[in-house]
């Protein structure tokens, strides 16, 4: 999966990422099951999150966000909550092999430098940086230097922060995709601000996608129409499972519907060139109106506009040429309800 192939997939269709995240609850076999779910749903890739808890979280100082307070033990520290969800590097080696076997792209979001280097070592074809690292410029520079295609998420960020992050990354690596994101779980529709998608594309010149934390498909459909071509969506094996992200994730059936819906919406966009499509040719022929005489017309009579009606006849002369006839003489007797023909008219006859 090089950058050119990724861009080509986005140009020709969509690149849809099933975000398994931490919904494996620290269990390798559950993680493999999530790979199967993503594959069955038709995702192009399945993404995880790779970190060493001690290098990212403080036992005493790290804060638990409100959405995790609602979905995990409130008395448990953020460090302890996250530590239970951590997968070992050995587990990720197995996951990468399993994804290769299932023929689905594996990649992950590293949270610190050792995990970046590890993912490169096991052959991850691309990397993603989390919204929380948009202002972590030294880390972004390290990830960029890996030389892999890089997906950059931008939730809970100011535009100036995004600009600084993109400048930092692009000085080392031009193979970028930007994801518009709202860092709320689940994300309220009224806060999504999807019109940022074309703004980001115009400002930075890179492909732009959508990291979707909403509960349905409506927002993603709108994002497709606004030009997003890469999507990331959380999913789980069971929305009732214990853990911070399950409730804001799609079930396996919902993920399949999500993928199918987005691909259908994308296919409906077309190429932007207005023309008669093959599926409407028959309707066009049956529904178009043509010039028909409204009454019998005697040879030599001057045509008036009221001599004509516009009927669905399948063929004939377009109403657009009506003015060509008005005031001209009839070249022959014409019955009522006759399809007009140029031969019925004596053009230029003296008045």
C-alpha atoms as a PDB file:
ATOM      1  CA  UNK A   1       0.000   0.000   0.000  1.00  0.00           C
ATOM      2  CA  UNK A   2       1.993   2.969  -1.271  1.00  0.00           C
ATOM      3  CA  UNK A   3       0.626   6.498  -1.374  1.00  0.00           C
ATOM      4  CA  UNK A   4      -0.113   6.380  -5.089  1.00  0.00           C
ATOM      5  CA  UNK A   5      -2.230   3.253  -4.646  1.00  0.00           C
ATOM      6  CA  UNK A   6      -4.064   4.825  -1.706  1.00  0.00           C
ATOM      7  CA  UNK A   7      -4.835   7.955  -3.711  1.00  0.00           C
ATOM      8  CA  UNK A   8      -5.914   5.852  -6.696  1.00  0.00           C
ATOM      9  CA  UNK A   9      -8.329   3.908  -4.490  1.00  0.00           C
ATOM     10  CA  UNK A  10      -9.761   7.197  -3.234  1.00  0.00           C
ATOM     11  CA  UNK A  11     -10.048   8.548  -6.785  1.00  0.00           C
ATOM     12  CA  UNK A  12     -11.781   5.443  -8.093  1.00  0.00           C
ATOM     13  CA  UNK A  13     -13.966   4.761  -5.065  1.00  0.00           C
ATOM     14  CA  UNK A  14     -13.592   5.122  -1.326  1.00  0.00           C
ATOM     15  CA  UNK A  15     -11.033   3.896   1.196  1.00  0.00           C
ATOM     16  CA  UNK A  16     -12.991   2.773   4.252  1.00  0.00           C
ATOM     17  CA  UNK A  17     -11.210   1.964   7.502  1.00  0.00           C
ATOM     18  CA  UNK A  18     -12.837  -0.174  10.160  1.00  0.00           C
ATOM     19  CA  UNK A  19     -11.512   1.342  13.391  1.00  0.00           C
ATOM     20  CA  UNK A  20     -11.142  -1.567  15.793  1.00  0.00           C
ATOM     21  CA  UNK A  21      -9.232   0.730  18.132  1.00  0.00           C
ATOM     22  CA  UNK A  22      -9.238  -0.687  21.643  1.00  0.00           C
ATOM     23  CA  UNK A  23     -12.469  -2.665  21.276  1.00  0.00           C
ATOM     24  CA  UNK A  24     -10.490  -5.906  21.602  1.00  0.00           C
ATOM     25  CA  UNK A  25     -10.277  -5.154  25.361  1.00  0.00           C
ATOM     26  CA  UNK A  26      -6.669  -6.306  25.376  1.00  0.00           C
ATOM     27  CA  UNK A  27      -7.514  -9.763  24.001  1.00  0.00           C
ATOM     28  CA  UNK A  28      -5.710 -10.953  20.845  1.00  0.00           C
ATOM     29  CA  UNK A  29      -8.432 -13.435  19.877  1.00  0.00           C
ATOM     30  CA  UNK A  30     -11.089 -10.720  20.095  1.00  0.00           C
ATOM     31  CA  UNK A  31      -8.820  -8.522  17.972  1.00  0.00           C
ATOM     32  CA  UNK A  32      -8.652 -11.242  15.312  1.00  0.00           C
ATOM     33  CA  UNK A  33     -12.432 -11.495  15.446  1.00  0.00           C
ATOM     34  CA  UNK A  34     -12.646  -7.754  14.758  1.00  0.00           C
ATOM     35  CA  UNK A  35     -10.439  -8.263  11.702  1.00  0.00           C
ATOM     36  CA  UNK A  36     -12.982 -10.821  10.476  1.00  0.00           C
ATOM     37  CA  UNK A  37     -15.835  -8.358  11.075  1.00  0.00           C
ATOM     38  CA  UNK A  38     -14.084  -5.613   9.088  1.00  0.00           C
ATOM     39  CA  UNK A  39     -13.331  -8.001   6.238  1.00  0.00           C
ATOM     40  CA  UNK A  40     -16.916  -9.272   6.101  1.00  0.00           C
ATOM     41  CA  UNK A  41     -18.244  -5.704   6.085  1.00  0.00           C
ATOM     42  CA  UNK A  42     -16.177  -4.835   3.018  1.00  0.00           C
ATOM     43  CA  UNK A  43     -13.722  -2.467   4.692  1.00  0.00           C
ATOM     44  CA  UNK A  44     -10.481  -1.779   2.866  1.00  0.00           C
ATOM     45  CA  UNK A  45      -8.461  -1.677   6.079  1.00  0.00           C
ATOM     46  CA  UNK A  46      -8.708  -2.389   9.783  1.00  0.00           C
ATOM     47  CA  UNK A  47      -6.951  -0.076  12.210  1.00  0.00           C
ATOM     48  CA  UNK A  48      -5.804  -0.536  15.786  1.00  0.00           C
ATOM     49  CA  UNK A  49      -4.018   1.637  18.349  1.00  0.00           C
ATOM     50  CA  UNK A  50      -0.514   0.807  19.544  1.00  0.00           C
ATOM     51  CA  UNK A  51       1.050   2.222  22.689  1.00  0.00           C
ATOM     52  CA  UNK A  52       3.119   1.509  25.787  1.00  0.00           C
ATOM     53  CA  UNK A  53       0.948   2.809  28.608  1.00  0.00           C
ATOM     54  CA  UNK A  54       3.835   3.911  30.798  1.00  0.00           C
ATOM     55  CA  UNK A  55       5.165   6.135  28.000  1.00  0.00           C
ATOM     56  CA  UNK A  56       1.867   7.875  27.335  1.00  0.00           C
ATOM     57  CA  UNK A  57      -0.092   8.063  30.603  1.00  0.00           C
ATOM     58  CA  UNK A  58       0.782   9.248  34.091  1.00  0.00           C
ATOM     59  CA  UNK A  59      -0.382   7.160  37.020  1.00  0.00           C
ATOM     60  CA  UNK A  60      -1.132  10.274  39.049  1.00  0.00           C
ATOM     61  CA  UNK A  61      -1.779  13.079  36.560  1.00  0.00           C
ATOM     62  CA  UNK A  62      -3.621  11.701  33.516  1.00  0.00           C
ATOM     63  CA  UNK A  63      -7.278  12.769  33.313  1.00  0.00           C
ATOM     64  CA  UNK A  64     -10.102  10.468  32.293  1.00  0.00           C
ATOM     65  CA  UNK A  65     -12.356  12.126  29.679  1.00  0.00           C
ATOM     66  CA  UNK A  66     -16.051  12.376  30.411  1.00  0.00           C
ATOM     67  CA  UNK A  67     -17.103   9.804  27.801  1.00  0.00           C
ATOM     68  CA  UNK A  68     -14.829   7.238  29.504  1.00  0.00           C
ATOM     69  CA  UNK A  69     -16.254   8.185  32.889  1.00  0.00           C
ATOM     70  CA  UNK A  70     -19.648   7.160  31.521  1.00  0.00           C
ATOM     71  CA  UNK A  71     -18.475   3.840  30.056  1.00  0.00           C
ATOM     72  CA  UNK A  72     -15.861   2.582  32.545  1.00  0.00           C
ATOM     73  CA  UNK A  73     -15.374   2.454  36.310  1.00  0.00           C
ATOM     74  CA  UNK A  74     -15.331   6.089  37.441  1.00  0.00           C
ATOM     75  CA  UNK A  75     -13.124   5.202  40.391  1.00  0.00           C
ATOM     76  CA  UNK A  76     -10.502   3.593  38.160  1.00  0.00           C
ATOM     77  CA  UNK A  77      -7.625   5.836  37.057  1.00  0.00           C
ATOM     78  CA  UNK A  78      -7.085   6.642  33.396  1.00  0.00           C
ATOM     79  CA  UNK A  79      -3.745   4.817  33.588  1.00  0.00           C
ATOM     80  CA  UNK A  80      -5.356   1.615  34.877  1.00  0.00           C
ATOM     81  CA  UNK A  81      -8.223   1.795  32.365  1.00  0.00           C
ATOM     82  CA  UNK A  82      -5.833   2.138  29.431  1.00  0.00           C
ATOM     83  CA  UNK A  83      -3.341  -0.430  30.725  1.00  0.00           C
ATOM     84  CA  UNK A  84      -6.030  -3.123  30.619  1.00  0.00           C
ATOM     85  CA  UNK A  85      -6.608  -2.370  26.927  1.00  0.00           C
ATOM     86  CA  UNK A  86      -2.973  -2.540  25.855  1.00  0.00           C
ATOM     87  CA  UNK A  87      -1.887  -5.235  23.386  1.00  0.00           C
ATOM     88  CA  UNK A  88       1.720  -6.406  23.387  1.00  0.00           C
ATOM     89  CA  UNK A  89       4.028  -6.020  20.415  1.00  0.00           C
ATOM     90  CA  UNK A  90       3.961  -9.795  20.014  1.00  0.00           C
ATOM     91  CA  UNK A  91       0.174  -9.636  19.721  1.00  0.00           C
ATOM     92  CA  UNK A  92       0.465  -7.002  17.009  1.00  0.00           C
ATOM     93  CA  UNK A  93       2.890  -9.188  15.089  1.00  0.00           C
ATOM     94  CA  UNK A  94       0.213 -11.891  15.098  1.00  0.00           C
ATOM     95  CA  UNK A  95      -2.454  -9.372  14.079  1.00  0.00           C
ATOM     96  CA  UNK A  96      -0.397  -8.164  11.131  1.00  0.00           C
ATOM     97  CA  UNK A  97       0.083 -11.756   9.929  1.00  0.00           C
ATOM     98  CA  UNK A  98      -3.621 -12.446  10.401  1.00  0.00           C
ATOM     99  CA  UNK A  99      -4.621  -9.380   8.381  1.00  0.00           C
ATOM    100  CA  UNK A 100      -2.253 -10.431   5.601  1.00  0.00           C
ATOM    101  CA  UNK A 101      -3.882 -13.878   5.638  1.00  0.00           C
ATOM    102  CA  UNK A 102      -7.375 -12.336   5.473  1.00  0.00           C
ATOM    103  CA  UNK A 103      -6.233  -9.948   2.713  1.00  0.00           C
ATOM    104  CA  UNK A 104      -7.202  -6.745   4.474  1.00  0.00           C
ATOM    105  CA  UNK A 105      -4.855  -3.811   5.093  1.00  0.00           C
ATOM    106  CA  UNK A 106      -3.526  -3.680   8.658  1.00  0.00           C
ATOM    107  CA  UNK A 107      -2.312  -0.480  10.230  1.00  0.00           C
ATOM    108  CA  UNK A 108      -2.370   1.314  13.554  1.00  0.00           C
ATOM    109  CA  UNK A 109      -2.090   4.618  15.358  1.00  0.00           C
ATOM    110  CA  UNK A 110       1.119   4.729  17.382  1.00  0.00           C
ATOM    111  CA  UNK A 111       1.092   6.897  20.509  1.00  0.00           C
ATOM    112  CA  UNK A 112       4.842   7.137  21.129  1.00  0.00           C
ATOM    113  CA  UNK A 113       8.097   6.721  19.237  1.00  0.00           C
ATOM    114  CA  UNK A 114       8.847   3.126  20.185  1.00  0.00           C
ATOM    115  CA  UNK A 115       5.489   2.055  18.798  1.00  0.00           C
ATOM    116  CA  UNK A 116       6.164   4.009  15.593  1.00  0.00           C
ATOM    117  CA  UNK A 117       9.432   2.171  15.082  1.00  0.00           C
ATOM    118  CA  UNK A 118       7.830  -1.168  15.929  1.00  0.00           C
ATOM    119  CA  UNK A 119       5.008  -0.731  13.385  1.00  0.00           C
ATOM    120  CA  UNK A 120       7.531   0.148  10.696  1.00  0.00           C
ATOM    121  CA  UNK A 121       9.545  -2.936  11.627  1.00  0.00           C
ATOM    122  CA  UNK A 122       6.604  -5.327  11.193  1.00  0.00           C
ATOM    123  CA  UNK A 123       5.728  -3.879   7.798  1.00  0.00           C
ATOM    124  CA  UNK A 124       2.729  -1.635   8.472  1.00  0.00           C
ATOM    125  CA  UNK A 125       2.004  -0.062   5.053  1.00  0.00           C
ATOM    126  CA  UNK A 126       0.811   3.260   6.463  1.00  0.00           C
ATOM    127  CA  UNK A 127       0.435   5.068   9.779  1.00  0.00           C
ATOM    128  CA  UNK A 128      -2.088   7.357  11.394  1.00  0.00           C
ATOM    129  CA  UNK A 129      -1.587  10.065  13.978  1.00  0.00           C
ATOM    130  CA  UNK A 130      -4.312  10.786  16.494  1.00  0.00           C
ATOM    131  CA  UNK A 131      -6.001  14.133  17.010  1.00  0.00           C
ATOM    132  CA  UNK A 132      -4.359  14.337  20.419  1.00  0.00           C
ATOM    133  CA  UNK A 133      -0.960  14.638  18.719  1.00  0.00           C
ATOM    134  CA  UNK A 134      -1.686  17.566  16.377  1.00  0.00           C
ATOM    135  CA  UNK A 135       0.343  19.862  18.647  1.00  0.00           C
ATOM    136  CA  UNK A 136       2.993  17.208  19.422  1.00  0.00           C
ATOM    137  CA  UNK A 137       5.329  18.472  16.722  1.00  0.00           C
ATOM    138  CA  UNK A 138       8.455  16.481  17.712  1.00  0.00           C
ATOM    139  CA  UNK A 139       6.413  13.289  17.554  1.00  0.00           C
ATOM    140  CA  UNK A 140       4.841  14.248  14.210  1.00  0.00           C
ATOM    141  CA  UNK A 141       8.297  14.905  12.807  1.00  0.00           C
ATOM    142  CA  UNK A 142       9.454  11.449  13.939  1.00  0.00           C
ATOM    143  CA  UNK A 143       6.421   9.768  12.347  1.00  0.00           C
ATOM    144  CA  UNK A 144       6.868  11.741   9.133  1.00  0.00           C
ATOM    145  CA  UNK A 145      10.481  10.659   8.799  1.00  0.00           C
ATOM    146  CA  UNK A 146       9.313   7.037   8.569  1.00  0.00           C
ATOM    147  CA  UNK A 147       8.411   7.806   4.959  1.00  0.00           C
ATOM    148  CA  UNK A 148       5.135   5.866   5.036  1.00  0.00           C
ATOM    149  CA  UNK A 149       1.812   7.295   3.853  1.00  0.00           C
ATOM    150  CA  UNK A 150       0.448   9.205   6.832  1.00  0.00           C
ATOM    151  CA  UNK A 151      -3.163   9.869   7.826  1.00  0.00           C
ATOM    152  CA  UNK A 152      -3.519  12.845  10.171  1.00  0.00           C
ATOM    153  CA  UNK A 153      -6.618  13.228  12.327  1.00  0.00           C
ATOM    154  CA  UNK A 154      -7.599  16.753  13.374  1.00  0.00           C
ATOM    155  CA  UNK A 155     -10.260  16.601  16.092  1.00  0.00           C
ATOM    156  CA  UNK A 156     -10.478  19.266  18.827  1.00  0.00           C
ATOM    157  CA  UNK A 157      -7.983  21.458  16.957  1.00  0.00           C
ATOM    158  CA  UNK A 158      -7.809  25.038  15.805  1.00  0.00           C
ATOM    159  CA  UNK A 159      -7.044  25.662  12.156  1.00  0.00           C
ATOM    160  CA  UNK A 160      -3.771  27.321  13.093  1.00  0.00           C
ATOM    161  CA  UNK A 161      -2.717  24.175  14.978  1.00  0.00           C
ATOM    162  CA  UNK A 162      -3.544  22.005  11.970  1.00  0.00           C
ATOM    163  CA  UNK A 163      -1.543  24.312   9.708  1.00  0.00           C
ATOM    164  CA  UNK A 164       1.501  24.051  11.948  1.00  0.00           C
ATOM    165  CA  UNK A 165       1.169  20.261  12.104  1.00  0.00           C
ATOM    166  CA  UNK A 166       0.869  19.919   8.323  1.00  0.00           C
ATOM    167  CA  UNK A 167       3.838  22.212   7.800  1.00  0.00           C
ATOM    168  CA  UNK A 168       5.914  20.115  10.225  1.00  0.00           C
ATOM    169  CA  UNK A 169       4.952  16.825   8.567  1.00  0.00           C
ATOM    170  CA  UNK A 170       5.169  17.977   4.962  1.00  0.00           C
ATOM    171  CA  UNK A 171       8.721  19.223   5.442  1.00  0.00           C
ATOM    172  CA  UNK A 172       9.636  15.537   5.835  1.00  0.00           C
ATOM    173  CA  UNK A 173       6.850  13.655   4.045  1.00  0.00           C
ATOM    174  CA  UNK A 174       4.418  14.726   1.309  1.00  0.00           C
ATOM    175  CA  UNK A 175       2.380  11.507   1.363  1.00  0.00           C
ATOM    176  CA  UNK A 176      -0.449  12.867   3.497  1.00  0.00           C
ATOM    177  CA  UNK A 177      -4.169  12.460   3.997  1.00  0.00           C
ATOM    178  CA  UNK A 178      -6.045  14.740   6.412  1.00  0.00           C
ATOM    179  CA  UNK A 179      -9.081  13.550   8.359  1.00  0.00           C
ATOM    180  CA  UNK A 180     -11.683  16.018   9.547  1.00  0.00           C
ATOM    181  CA  UNK A 181     -12.830  14.853  12.971  1.00  0.00           C
ATOM    182  CA  UNK A 182     -15.007  15.840  15.910  1.00  0.00           C
ATOM    183  CA  UNK A 183     -13.494  14.420  19.092  1.00  0.00           C
ATOM    184  CA  UNK A 184     -16.733  13.594  20.876  1.00  0.00           C
ATOM    185  CA  UNK A 185     -18.038  10.077  21.510  1.00  0.00           C
ATOM    186  CA  UNK A 186     -20.640   9.898  20.105  1.00  0.00           C
ATOM    187  CA  UNK A 187     -20.314  13.059  18.021  1.00  0.00           C
ATOM    188  CA  UNK A 188     -23.414  15.315  17.899  1.00  0.00           C
ATOM    189  CA  UNK A 189     -24.479  16.122  14.352  1.00  0.00           C
ATOM    190  CA  UNK A 190     -24.948  19.815  15.058  1.00  0.00           C
ATOM    191  CA  UNK A 191     -21.243  20.170  15.970  1.00  0.00           C
ATOM    192  CA  UNK A 192     -19.743  18.294  13.004  1.00  0.00           C
ATOM    193  CA  UNK A 193     -19.061  21.335  10.809  1.00  0.00           C
ATOM    194  CA  UNK A 194     -18.603  19.151   7.740  1.00  0.00           C
ATOM    195  CA  UNK A 195     -18.120  22.199   5.530  1.00  0.00           C
ATOM    196  CA  UNK A 196     -14.573  22.223   6.888  1.00  0.00           C
ATOM    197  CA  UNK A 197     -13.792  19.272   4.571  1.00  0.00           C
ATOM    198  CA  UNK A 198     -13.506  21.307   1.334  1.00  0.00           C
ATOM    199  CA  UNK A 199     -11.799  24.110   3.279  1.00  0.00           C
ATOM    200  CA  UNK A 200      -9.029  21.756   4.435  1.00  0.00           C
ATOM    201  CA  UNK A 201      -8.602  20.362   0.929  1.00  0.00           C
ATOM    202  CA  UNK A 202      -8.352  23.843  -0.579  1.00  0.00           C
ATOM    203  CA  UNK A 203      -5.999  25.164   2.106  1.00  0.00           C
ATOM    204  CA  UNK A 204      -3.510  22.311   2.176  1.00  0.00           C
ATOM    205  CA  UNK A 205      -3.889  20.559  -1.173  1.00  0.00           C
ATOM    206  CA  UNK A 206      -4.019  17.038   0.268  1.00  0.00           C
ATOM    207  CA  UNK A 207      -6.850  14.482   0.118  1.00  0.00           C
ATOM    208  CA  UNK A 208      -9.312  14.948   2.975  1.00  0.00           C
ATOM    209  CA  UNK A 209     -11.464  12.334   4.692  1.00  0.00           C
ATOM    210  CA  UNK A 210     -13.696  11.986   7.707  1.00  0.00           C
ATOM    211  CA  UNK A 211     -13.055  10.278  11.030  1.00  0.00           C
ATOM    212  CA  UNK A 212     -16.665   9.556  11.888  1.00  0.00           C
ATOM    213  CA  UNK A 213     -17.721   9.330  15.536  1.00  0.00           C
ATOM    214  CA  UNK A 214     -21.447   9.746  14.885  1.00  0.00           C
ATOM    215  CA  UNK A 215     -23.955   6.967  15.531  1.00  0.00           C
ATOM    216  CA  UNK A 216     -25.376   6.609  12.018  1.00  0.00           C
ATOM    217  CA  UNK A 217     -24.591   7.094   8.334  1.00  0.00           C
ATOM    218  CA  UNK A 218     -26.163  10.486   7.594  1.00  0.00           C
ATOM    219  CA  UNK A 219     -23.048  12.540   8.345  1.00  0.00           C
ATOM    220  CA  UNK A 220     -20.789  10.248   6.318  1.00  0.00           C
ATOM    221  CA  UNK A 221     -23.134  10.488   3.321  1.00  0.00           C
ATOM    222  CA  UNK A 222     -22.911  14.275   3.513  1.00  0.00           C
ATOM    223  CA  UNK A 223     -19.121  14.019   3.811  1.00  0.00           C
ATOM    224  CA  UNK A 224     -18.974  11.961   0.602  1.00  0.00           C
ATOM    225  CA  UNK A 225     -20.890  14.701  -1.195  1.00  0.00           C
ATOM    226  CA  UNK A 226     -18.454  17.292   0.183  1.00  0.00           C
ATOM    227  CA  UNK A 227     -15.472  15.446  -1.244  1.00  0.00           C
ATOM    228  CA  UNK A 228     -14.321  13.099   1.527  1.00  0.00           C
ATOM    229  CA  UNK A 229     -12.875   9.920   0.040  1.00  0.00           C
ATOM    230  CA  UNK A 230     -11.385   8.160   3.063  1.00  0.00           C
ATOM    231  CA  UNK A 231     -13.467   7.218   6.092  1.00  0.00           C
ATOM    232  CA  UNK A 232     -12.742   5.819   9.517  1.00  0.00           C
ATOM    233  CA  UNK A 233     -15.514   4.345  11.668  1.00  0.00           C
ATOM    234  CA  UNK A 234     -15.351   2.636  15.066  1.00  0.00           C
ATOM    235  CA  UNK A 235     -16.917  -0.809  15.256  1.00  0.00           C
ATOM    236  CA  UNK A 236     -17.230  -3.548  17.838  1.00  0.00           C
ATOM    237  CA  UNK A 237     -18.276  -7.150  18.205  1.00  0.00           C
ATOM    238  CA  UNK A 238     -20.840  -6.154  20.857  1.00  0.00           C
ATOM    239  CA  UNK A 239     -22.019  -2.635  21.707  1.00  0.00           C
ATOM    240  CA  UNK A 240     -22.911  -3.784  25.210  1.00  0.00           C
ATOM    241  CA  UNK A 241     -19.380  -4.984  25.977  1.00  0.00           C
ATOM    242  CA  UNK A 242     -17.374  -3.401  28.767  1.00  0.00           C
ATOM    243  CA  UNK A 243     -14.908  -0.755  27.619  1.00  0.00           C
ATOM    244  CA  UNK A 244     -14.656   2.928  26.698  1.00  0.00           C
ATOM    245  CA  UNK A 245     -15.564   2.816  22.984  1.00  0.00           C
ATOM    246  CA  UNK A 246     -18.094   0.011  22.490  1.00  0.00           C
ATOM    247  CA  UNK A 247     -21.215   2.132  22.991  1.00  0.00           C
ATOM    248  CA  UNK A 248     -20.126   4.676  20.366  1.00  0.00           C
ATOM    249  CA  UNK A 249     -19.200   1.949  17.849  1.00  0.00           C
ATOM    250  CA  UNK A 250     -21.128   0.136  15.139  1.00  0.00           C
ATOM    251  CA  UNK A 251     -22.225  -3.464  15.462  1.00  0.00           C
ATOM    252  CA  UNK A 252     -21.016  -5.883  12.745  1.00  0.00           C
ATOM    253  CA  UNK A 253     -24.318  -5.571  10.867  1.00  0.00           C
ATOM    254  CA  UNK A 254     -24.252  -1.784  11.164  1.00  0.00           C
ATOM    255  CA  UNK A 255     -20.692  -1.654   9.850  1.00  0.00           C
ATOM    256  CA  UNK A 256     -21.705  -3.659   6.775  1.00  0.00           C
ATOM    257  CA  UNK A 257     -24.617  -1.280   6.176  1.00  0.00           C
ATOM    258  CA  UNK A 258     -22.309   1.703   6.666  1.00  0.00           C
ATOM    259  CA  UNK A 259     -19.813   0.472   4.075  1.00  0.00           C
ATOM    260  CA  UNK A 260     -22.507  -0.457   1.562  1.00  0.00           C
ATOM    261  CA  UNK A 261     -24.304   2.878   2.005  1.00  0.00           C
ATOM    262  CA  UNK A 262     -21.165   4.976   1.544  1.00  0.00           C
ATOM    263  CA  UNK A 263     -20.137   3.098  -1.577  1.00  0.00           C
ATOM    264  CA  UNK A 264     -23.652   3.508  -3.003  1.00  0.00           C
ATOM    265  CA  UNK A 265     -23.647   7.239  -2.249  1.00  0.00           C
ATOM    266  CA  UNK A 266     -20.242   7.630  -3.865  1.00  0.00           C
ATOM    267  CA  UNK A 267     -21.338   5.755  -6.973  1.00  0.00           C
ATOM    268  CA  UNK A 268     -24.305   8.133  -7.290  1.00  0.00           C
ATOM    269  CA  UNK A 269     -22.067  11.224  -7.542  1.00  0.00           C
ATOM    270  CA  UNK A 270     -20.911  10.496 -11.091  1.00  0.00           C
ATOM    271  CA  UNK A 271     -18.444  12.666 -12.986  1.00  0.00           C
ATOM    272  CA  UNK A 272     -20.285  15.986 -12.925  1.00  0.00           C
ATOM    273  CA  UNK A 273     -20.903  16.071 -16.696  1.00  0.00           C
ATOM    274  CA  UNK A 274     -24.630  16.482 -17.352  1.00  0.00           C
ATOM    275  CA  UNK A 275     -25.884  14.217 -20.119  1.00  0.00           C
ATOM    276  CA  UNK A 276     -28.699  11.793 -20.907  1.00  0.00           C
ATOM    277  CA  UNK A 277     -27.901   8.506 -19.197  1.00  0.00           C
ATOM    278  CA  UNK A 278     -28.715   5.148 -20.714  1.00  0.00           C
ATOM    279  CA  UNK A 279     -31.144   4.346 -17.891  1.00  0.00           C
ATOM    280  CA  UNK A 280     -33.322   7.348 -18.797  1.00  0.00           C
ATOM    281  CA  UNK A 281     -33.330   7.046 -22.597  1.00  0.00           C
ATOM    282  CA  UNK A 282     -36.622   5.161 -22.658  1.00  0.00           C
ATOM    283  CA  UNK A 283     -38.268   7.610 -20.258  1.00  0.00           C
ATOM    284  CA  UNK A 284     -36.967  10.544 -22.289  1.00  0.00           C
ATOM    285  CA  UNK A 285     -38.548   9.114 -25.420  1.00  0.00           C
ATOM    286  CA  UNK A 286     -41.870   8.394 -23.716  1.00  0.00           C
ATOM    287  CA  UNK A 287     -42.187  11.633 -21.728  1.00  0.00           C
ATOM    288  CA  UNK A 288     -40.883  14.338 -24.054  1.00  0.00           C
ATOM    289  CA  UNK A 289     -43.535  16.605 -25.629  1.00  0.00           C
ATOM    290  CA  UNK A 290     -43.724  17.384 -29.333  1.00  0.00           C
ATOM    291  CA  UNK A 291     -45.702  19.723 -31.584  1.00  0.00           C
ATOM    292  CA  UNK A 292     -49.166  18.427 -32.524  1.00  0.00           C
ATOM    293  CA  UNK A 293     -52.015  20.294 -34.275  1.00  0.00           C
ATOM    294  CA  UNK A 294     -54.814  21.360 -31.946  1.00  0.00           C
ATOM    295  CA  UNK A 295     -57.453  21.594 -34.702  1.00  0.00           C
ATOM    296  CA  UNK A 296     -57.832  20.961 -38.460  1.00  0.00           C
ATOM    297  CA  UNK A 297     -55.889  23.534 -40.478  1.00  0.00           C
ATOM    298  CA  UNK A 298     -56.812  24.420 -44.084  1.00  0.00           C
ATOM    299  CA  UNK A 299     -54.222  24.795 -46.798  1.00  0.00           C
ATOM    300  CA  UNK A 300     -53.138  28.444 -47.081  1.00  0.00           C
ATOM    301  CA  UNK A 301     -54.164  29.378 -43.516  1.00  0.00           C
ATOM    302  CA  UNK A 302     -51.656  31.264 -41.431  1.00  0.00           C
ATOM    303  CA  UNK A 303     -50.461  29.321 -38.431  1.00  0.00           C
ATOM    304  CA  UNK A 304     -51.266  30.788 -35.017  1.00  0.00           C
ATOM    305  CA  UNK A 305     -49.792  29.711 -31.705  1.00  0.00           C
ATOM    306  CA  UNK A 306     -53.206  28.405 -30.649  1.00  0.00           C
ATOM    307  CA  UNK A 307     -53.116  25.955 -33.590  1.00  0.00           C
ATOM    308  CA  UNK A 308     -50.674  23.792 -31.645  1.00  0.00           C
ATOM    309  CA  UNK A 309     -50.541  21.711 -28.471  1.00  0.00           C
ATOM    310  CA  UNK A 310     -47.629  19.857 -26.937  1.00  0.00           C
ATOM    311  CA  UNK A 311     -48.181  16.129 -26.520  1.00  0.00           C
ATOM    312  CA  UNK A 312     -46.133  13.122 -25.429  1.00  0.00           C
ATOM    313  CA  UNK A 313     -45.824  11.302 -28.732  1.00  0.00           C
ATOM    314  CA  UNK A 314     -42.382   9.710 -28.612  1.00  0.00           C
ATOM    315  CA  UNK A 315     -41.087  11.622 -31.637  1.00  0.00           C
ATOM    316  CA  UNK A 316     -41.669  14.727 -33.709  1.00  0.00           C
ATOM    317  CA  UNK A 317     -40.669  18.380 -33.644  1.00  0.00           C
ATOM    318  CA  UNK A 318     -39.744  20.072 -30.402  1.00  0.00           C
ATOM    319  CA  UNK A 319     -41.944  22.852 -28.967  1.00  0.00           C
ATOM    320  CA  UNK A 320     -38.749  24.916 -29.106  1.00  0.00           C
ATOM    321  CA  UNK A 321     -39.354  25.495 -32.874  1.00  0.00           C
ATOM    322  CA  UNK A 322     -42.956  26.734 -32.453  1.00  0.00           C
ATOM    323  CA  UNK A 323     -42.096  30.332 -33.346  1.00  0.00           C
ATOM    324  CA  UNK A 324     -40.703  29.161 -36.683  1.00  0.00           C
ATOM    325  CA  UNK A 325     -44.277  28.228 -37.728  1.00  0.00           C
ATOM    326  CA  UNK A 326     -46.348  31.097 -36.371  1.00  0.00           C
ATOM    327  CA  UNK A 327     -47.351  33.444 -39.210  1.00  0.00           C
ATOM    328  CA  UNK A 328     -46.329  31.030 -41.971  1.00  0.00           C
ATOM    329  CA  UNK A 329     -48.836  29.406 -44.390  1.00  0.00           C
ATOM    330  CA  UNK A 330     -49.984  25.817 -44.290  1.00  0.00           C
ATOM    331  CA  UNK A 331     -48.759  24.008 -47.421  1.00  0.00           C
ATOM    332  CA  UNK A 332     -51.597  21.477 -47.278  1.00  0.00           C
ATOM    333  CA  UNK A 333     -54.695  20.522 -45.335  1.00  0.00           C
ATOM    334  CA  UNK A 334     -53.619  19.232 -41.923  1.00  0.00           C
ATOM    335  CA  UNK A 335     -55.930  17.172 -39.714  1.00  0.00           C
ATOM    336  CA  UNK A 336     -56.337  17.636 -35.994  1.00  0.00           C
ATOM    337  CA  UNK A 337     -53.841  15.761 -33.766  1.00  0.00           C
ATOM    338  CA  UNK A 338     -51.228  15.488 -36.511  1.00  0.00           C
ATOM    339  CA  UNK A 339     -47.524  15.493 -35.699  1.00  0.00           C
ATOM    340  CA  UNK A 340     -46.134  18.681 -37.197  1.00  0.00           C
ATOM    341  CA  UNK A 341     -43.633  18.309 -40.007  1.00  0.00           C
ATOM    342  CA  UNK A 342     -41.532  20.822 -41.896  1.00  0.00           C
ATOM    343  CA  UNK A 343     -43.275  19.739 -45.125  1.00  0.00           C
ATOM    344  CA  UNK A 344     -46.571  21.107 -43.747  1.00  0.00           C
ATOM    345  CA  UNK A 345     -45.305  24.670 -44.048  1.00  0.00           C
ATOM    346  CA  UNK A 346     -44.920  27.041 -47.009  1.00  0.00           C
ATOM    347  CA  UNK A 347     -42.093  29.099 -45.630  1.00  0.00           C
ATOM    348  CA  UNK A 348     -41.741  32.652 -46.896  1.00  0.00           C
ATOM    349  CA  UNK A 349     -45.140  32.760 -48.608  1.00  0.00           C
ATOM    350  CA  UNK A 350     -46.176  36.384 -49.289  1.00  0.00           C
ATOM    351  CA  UNK A 351     -48.640  37.873 -46.822  1.00  0.00           C
END
